[in-house]
Protein backbone atom coordinates (compact mmCIF):
# COMPACT_ATOMS: atom_id res chain seq x y z
CA MET A 1 -42.62 -16.49 -8.31
CA THR A 2 -43.69 -13.05 -6.95
CA GLN A 3 -41.88 -11.02 -4.23
CA ALA A 4 -44.51 -11.96 -1.80
CA ASP A 5 -43.70 -15.77 -2.54
CA THR A 6 -40.20 -15.08 -0.96
CA ILE A 7 -41.75 -14.27 2.54
CA HIS A 8 -40.74 -17.19 4.82
CA SER A 9 -42.14 -17.26 8.30
CA LYS A 10 -38.97 -19.05 9.78
CA ASP A 11 -36.93 -16.01 9.00
CA TYR A 12 -38.55 -13.90 11.62
CA ARG A 13 -39.17 -16.72 14.25
CA VAL A 14 -37.63 -16.90 17.64
CA HIS A 15 -36.61 -20.41 18.10
CA ALA A 16 -36.98 -22.12 21.44
CA GLY A 17 -33.70 -21.69 23.40
CA ASP A 18 -32.50 -18.78 21.39
CA LYS A 19 -30.99 -15.92 23.40
CA VAL A 20 -32.39 -12.77 21.65
CA LYS A 21 -30.39 -9.63 21.26
CA LEU A 22 -32.67 -7.10 19.39
CA LYS A 23 -29.82 -5.24 17.99
CA HIS A 24 -29.13 -8.15 15.81
CA TRP A 25 -32.74 -8.31 14.62
CA PRO A 26 -33.52 -5.68 11.66
CA THR A 27 -36.21 -3.10 12.07
CA ARG A 28 -36.37 -2.84 8.20
CA VAL A 29 -35.80 -5.58 5.42
CA ASP A 30 -35.91 -5.09 1.67
CA PRO A 31 -39.72 -4.86 0.73
CA TYR A 32 -41.72 -7.75 -0.55
CA TYR A 33 -43.61 -5.35 -2.77
CA GLY A 34 -42.37 -3.13 -5.76
CA SER A 35 -45.08 -0.49 -5.61
CA LYS A 36 -48.02 0.65 -3.60
CA SER A 37 -50.56 -0.98 -6.00
CA GLN A 38 -48.53 -4.12 -5.77
CA TYR A 39 -48.62 -4.03 -1.93
CA LYS A 40 -52.40 -3.67 -2.21
CA GLU A 41 -52.44 -6.56 -4.54
CA ILE A 42 -50.58 -8.91 -2.32
CA LEU A 43 -52.36 -7.85 0.86
CA GLU A 44 -55.62 -8.56 -0.82
CA ASN A 45 -54.58 -11.76 -2.02
CA HIS A 46 -53.64 -12.80 1.51
CA VAL A 47 -56.84 -11.27 3.09
CA ALA A 48 -58.80 -13.34 0.69
CA GLN A 49 -57.08 -16.57 1.59
CA LEU A 50 -57.34 -15.64 5.42
CA SER A 51 -61.14 -15.10 4.82
CA ALA A 52 -61.39 -18.62 3.20
CA GLN A 53 -59.38 -20.29 5.89
CA GLN A 54 -61.43 -18.57 8.73
CA HIS A 55 -64.65 -19.84 7.11
CA MET A 56 -63.35 -23.34 7.10
CA HIS A 57 -61.93 -22.78 10.72
CA TYR A 58 -65.26 -21.76 12.00
CA ALA A 59 -67.16 -24.63 10.28
CA SER A 60 -64.55 -27.29 11.41
CA ASN A 61 -64.77 -26.01 14.95
CA GLN A 62 -61.75 -28.02 16.40
CA TYR A 63 -58.95 -25.27 16.95
CA ALA A 64 -58.88 -21.90 18.36
CA VAL A 65 -56.32 -19.42 17.35
CA LEU A 66 -54.66 -16.74 19.49
CA LEU A 67 -52.74 -13.91 17.85
CA ILE A 68 -50.81 -11.85 20.29
CA PHE A 69 -49.38 -8.38 19.40
CA GLN A 70 -46.77 -6.59 21.49
CA ALA A 71 -44.73 -3.52 20.61
CA MET A 72 -43.46 -0.13 21.66
CA ASP A 73 -45.77 2.85 20.92
CA ALA A 74 -46.37 3.81 17.30
CA ALA A 75 -44.96 0.44 16.01
CA GLY A 76 -48.24 -0.22 14.09
CA LYS A 77 -50.21 -2.83 15.96
CA ASP A 78 -53.53 -1.23 15.37
CA GLY A 79 -52.92 -0.80 11.73
CA ALA A 80 -51.58 -4.32 11.13
CA ILE A 81 -54.69 -5.80 12.90
CA ARG A 82 -57.11 -3.71 10.97
CA HIS A 83 -55.43 -4.40 7.49
CA VAL A 84 -54.43 -8.07 7.93
CA MET A 85 -57.75 -8.94 9.40
CA SER A 86 -60.01 -6.76 7.31
CA GLY A 87 -61.69 -9.80 5.48
CA ILE A 88 -62.38 -11.73 8.67
CA ASN A 89 -66.05 -12.32 9.57
CA PRO A 90 -66.49 -10.36 12.95
CA GLN A 91 -68.77 -13.19 14.05
CA GLY A 92 -65.75 -15.49 14.53
CA CYS A 93 -63.11 -12.97 15.76
CA GLN A 94 -62.65 -10.96 18.93
CA VAL A 95 -60.07 -8.26 19.61
CA PHE A 96 -59.02 -7.24 23.22
CA SER A 97 -56.82 -4.51 24.23
CA SER A 98 -54.97 -4.63 27.58
CA LYS A 99 -55.51 -1.46 29.49
CA HIS A 100 -54.42 -0.46 33.09
CA PRO A 101 -55.62 -3.32 35.22
CA SER A 102 -58.77 -2.39 37.33
CA ALA A 103 -58.98 -2.77 41.11
CA THR A 104 -60.82 -6.21 40.66
CA GLU A 105 -58.17 -7.37 38.17
CA LEU A 106 -55.40 -6.53 40.77
CA GLN A 107 -56.99 -8.89 43.16
CA HIS A 108 -56.23 -11.90 40.91
CA ASP A 109 -53.31 -13.62 39.35
CA PHE A 110 -51.45 -11.79 36.55
CA LEU A 111 -53.05 -14.23 34.00
CA TRP A 112 -56.43 -14.03 35.21
CA ARG A 113 -57.85 -11.25 32.97
CA GLY A 114 -56.25 -12.81 29.86
CA THR A 115 -57.58 -16.25 30.40
CA ARG A 116 -61.12 -14.75 30.69
CA ASN A 117 -60.82 -13.56 26.97
CA LEU A 118 -59.33 -16.62 25.30
CA PRO A 119 -61.11 -17.57 22.09
CA GLU A 120 -63.26 -20.62 22.01
CA ARG A 121 -62.89 -23.32 19.31
CA GLY A 122 -63.69 -22.23 15.72
CA HIS A 123 -62.85 -18.60 16.69
CA ILE A 124 -59.67 -16.26 16.33
CA GLY A 125 -58.79 -14.32 19.41
CA ILE A 126 -56.51 -11.26 19.03
CA PHE A 127 -54.82 -9.62 22.07
CA ASN A 128 -53.60 -6.15 21.36
CA ARG A 129 -50.96 -6.16 24.16
CA SER A 130 -51.72 -8.95 26.56
CA TYR A 131 -50.57 -10.75 29.80
CA TYR A 132 -47.10 -10.17 28.50
CA GLU A 133 -47.43 -6.55 29.88
CA GLU A 134 -46.90 -8.07 33.16
CA VAL A 135 -43.30 -8.99 32.31
CA LEU A 136 -42.55 -5.83 30.16
CA ILE A 137 -44.00 -2.66 31.49
CA ALA A 138 -44.26 -3.97 35.07
CA ARG A 139 -40.61 -4.87 34.95
CA VAL A 140 -39.64 -1.42 33.50
CA HIS A 141 -41.91 0.16 36.30
CA PRO A 142 -41.37 -1.84 39.47
CA GLU A 143 -44.19 0.51 41.12
CA ILE A 144 -46.70 -1.42 38.95
CA LEU A 145 -45.49 -4.70 40.50
CA ARG A 146 -45.67 -3.12 44.00
CA SER A 147 -49.33 -2.07 43.31
CA GLU A 148 -50.57 -5.56 42.85
CA SER A 149 -51.84 -7.34 46.00
CA LEU A 150 -48.92 -9.89 46.37
CA PRO A 151 -47.19 -10.92 49.46
CA ASP A 152 -44.13 -8.79 49.98
CA ALA A 153 -41.76 -11.59 49.73
CA LEU A 154 -42.99 -12.32 46.13
CA LYS A 155 -42.66 -8.69 45.14
CA ARG A 156 -39.09 -8.51 46.46
CA GLY A 157 -37.99 -11.90 45.29
CA LYS A 158 -35.41 -12.00 42.52
CA ASP A 159 -37.25 -14.85 40.94
CA VAL A 160 -40.45 -13.15 40.33
CA TRP A 161 -39.82 -12.75 36.53
CA HIS A 162 -38.57 -16.16 36.05
CA GLU A 163 -41.71 -17.50 37.72
CA ARG A 164 -44.01 -15.39 35.61
CA TYR A 165 -42.12 -16.61 32.48
CA ARG A 166 -42.59 -20.39 33.61
CA SER A 167 -46.37 -19.50 34.36
CA ILE A 168 -46.70 -18.14 30.92
CA ARG A 169 -44.93 -21.15 29.29
CA HIS A 170 -47.17 -23.49 31.19
CA LEU A 171 -50.41 -21.72 30.17
CA GLU A 172 -49.53 -21.72 26.60
CA GLN A 173 -48.53 -25.47 26.61
CA HIS A 174 -51.93 -26.16 28.40
CA LEU A 175 -53.73 -24.17 25.58
CA HIS A 176 -51.94 -25.94 22.78
CA CYS A 177 -52.63 -29.34 24.27
CA ASN A 178 -56.42 -28.32 24.30
CA GLY A 179 -56.53 -27.15 20.67
CA THR A 180 -55.47 -23.43 20.94
CA ARG A 181 -52.67 -22.38 18.36
CA ILE A 182 -50.90 -19.33 19.79
CA VAL A 183 -48.78 -17.05 17.49
CA LYS A 184 -46.94 -14.05 19.03
CA PHE A 185 -45.82 -11.05 17.17
CA TYR A 186 -43.24 -8.42 18.41
CA LEU A 187 -43.29 -5.37 16.02
CA HIS A 188 -39.75 -4.27 16.05
CA LEU A 189 -39.49 -0.58 15.64
CA SER A 190 -36.46 1.53 15.65
CA LYS A 191 -36.19 4.57 18.11
CA GLU A 192 -35.51 7.02 15.06
CA GLU A 193 -38.73 5.68 13.31
CA GLN A 194 -40.83 6.09 16.47
CA ARG A 195 -39.57 9.74 16.61
CA LYS A 196 -40.76 10.37 13.17
CA ARG A 197 -44.18 8.74 13.82
CA PHE A 198 -44.62 10.91 16.94
CA LEU A 199 -43.82 14.05 14.98
CA GLU A 200 -46.56 12.89 12.45
CA ARG A 201 -49.07 12.59 15.11
CA ILE A 202 -48.26 16.05 16.45
CA ASP A 203 -48.08 17.72 12.90
CA GLU A 204 -51.21 16.01 11.43
CA PRO A 205 -54.44 17.25 13.23
CA GLU A 206 -56.33 13.93 12.38
CA LYS A 207 -53.55 12.10 14.19
CA ASN A 208 -53.32 14.22 17.43
CA TRP A 209 -55.54 12.05 19.47
CA LYS A 210 -53.03 9.13 19.03
CA PHE A 211 -50.28 11.12 21.05
CA SER A 212 -49.97 11.86 24.65
CA GLN A 213 -47.34 13.03 27.06
CA ALA A 214 -47.21 9.57 28.53
CA ASP A 215 -45.79 8.38 25.20
CA LEU A 216 -43.03 10.71 25.38
CA ILE A 217 -42.34 9.68 29.01
CA GLU A 218 -42.22 6.04 28.07
CA ARG A 219 -39.79 6.73 25.16
CA LYS A 220 -37.08 7.72 27.87
CA PHE A 221 -37.17 4.14 29.09
CA TRP A 222 -36.40 2.67 25.62
CA PRO A 223 -33.11 0.84 26.76
CA GLN A 224 -34.99 -0.76 29.67
CA TYR A 225 -37.83 -1.75 27.37
CA MET A 226 -35.50 -3.33 24.80
CA LYS A 227 -33.78 -5.37 27.74
CA ALA A 228 -37.32 -6.53 29.00
CA TYR A 229 -38.22 -7.55 25.53
CA GLU A 230 -35.09 -9.40 25.09
CA LYS A 231 -35.42 -11.42 28.21
CA CYS A 232 -39.20 -12.01 27.54
CA LEU A 233 -38.70 -13.17 23.85
CA SER A 234 -35.80 -15.51 24.96
CA ALA A 235 -37.68 -16.99 27.86
CA THR A 236 -41.19 -17.53 26.34
CA SER A 237 -40.70 -18.35 22.51
CA THR A 238 -41.47 -22.22 22.32
CA LYS A 239 -42.05 -24.57 19.73
CA ASN A 240 -45.86 -24.50 20.26
CA ALA A 241 -46.21 -20.86 20.89
CA PRO A 242 -43.45 -19.01 19.09
CA TRP A 243 -42.47 -15.32 18.87
CA TYR A 244 -41.99 -13.66 15.65
CA VAL A 245 -39.81 -10.48 15.49
CA ILE A 246 -41.37 -8.34 12.67
CA PRO A 247 -39.43 -5.49 11.17
CA ALA A 248 -41.85 -2.53 11.64
CA ASP A 249 -40.15 0.49 10.15
CA ASP A 250 -42.01 -0.26 7.00
CA LYS A 251 -45.66 -0.61 7.86
CA LYS A 252 -46.70 -2.09 4.53
CA ASN A 253 -43.86 -4.73 4.58
CA ALA A 254 -44.80 -5.58 8.27
CA ARG A 255 -48.34 -6.30 7.27
CA LEU A 256 -47.33 -8.54 4.37
CA ILE A 257 -45.03 -10.63 6.71
CA ILE A 258 -47.76 -10.93 9.40
CA SER A 259 -50.48 -11.98 7.08
CA ARG A 260 -48.15 -14.62 5.64
CA ILE A 261 -47.34 -16.07 9.17
CA VAL A 262 -50.93 -16.06 10.03
CA LEU A 263 -51.93 -17.94 6.70
CA ASP A 264 -49.06 -20.29 7.26
CA THR A 265 -50.44 -21.00 10.72
CA PHE A 266 -53.97 -21.82 9.31
CA GLU A 267 -52.75 -23.88 6.57
CA SER A 268 -50.57 -26.03 9.14
CA LEU A 269 -53.84 -27.05 10.73
CA LYS A 270 -54.99 -28.95 7.63
CA MET A 271 -58.57 -28.25 8.18
CA SER A 272 -61.49 -29.38 6.08
CA TYR A 273 -65.19 -28.72 6.14
CA PRO A 274 -67.17 -31.46 8.14
CA LYS A 275 -68.50 -34.22 6.09
CA ALA A 276 -72.00 -35.30 6.47
CA SER A 277 -72.78 -38.86 7.42
CA ALA A 278 -74.77 -41.24 5.16
CA GLN A 279 -77.81 -40.69 7.39
CA ARG A 280 -77.41 -36.81 7.25
CA ARG A 281 -77.20 -36.93 3.43
CA ARG A 282 -80.38 -38.98 3.19
CA GLU A 283 -82.01 -36.35 5.64
CA LEU A 284 -80.85 -33.54 3.29
CA LEU A 285 -82.04 -35.16 0.24
CA ASP A 286 -85.50 -35.80 1.72
CA ILE A 287 -85.53 -32.12 2.81
CA ARG A 288 -84.58 -31.08 -0.82
CA LYS A 289 -87.33 -33.06 -2.27
CA GLU A 290 -89.91 -31.22 0.10
CA LEU A 291 -88.54 -27.84 -0.95
CA ALA A 292 -88.44 -28.83 -4.64
CA LYS A 293 -92.28 -29.47 -4.71
């Protein structure tokens, strides 16, 4: 048994009904690799398995898979997506990043722009931030909620967040019942590790583009974000659309854990390649005879 074989998805899963206190969830765990070369070997193995699973997923065309990534700035979402999904055929995968909503998007319900980008059967959809921003950043910054074209009574109502959690749960249950499998990752970064990564972005010229003054401003709201994430994870992690809290202080370890969870998700689908009917086999054999002449 290798160190990677000891990665158990359930260790990082938020079970339905759990009341999450992030201070009780580690931002760093013992590494599942012993060296950089071993990390690369394990990740390459996971990537190869994911590539094979995706090929079967695309061919069977029965399920859709939606991966959602949420985190504080500098937690490593982009790198995790890039490394873990590096062997995936782009033809069957799409990545969407949630930016500030446009004027058109603000005229619709908060789930509208997310549902427009849902993956079709046989495909993988990746949301780098998602509709969950509407119960995270919008909760930390009430002015965002006020900018949405909602009736005043809804904006001021104490139940707005509970209603949004319920809407999300209902949407995700609807998707599950129609063949979409949803896996949600919260990359759990410590405030100290974020500080170090921000300094790297300032000190290393090739990383300057990753840092802005807005990042520093958002860092000041760290306690409010932690509270918003706790409420969100507690309210929206369900049996069919679970959240996984990924220790993110070690980027390499985080990628290995994420890739293992994604693999477990695909393997649970018990997919197989479509089998040709007897008539189809006869057609193929006739075609083969023609090609062999």
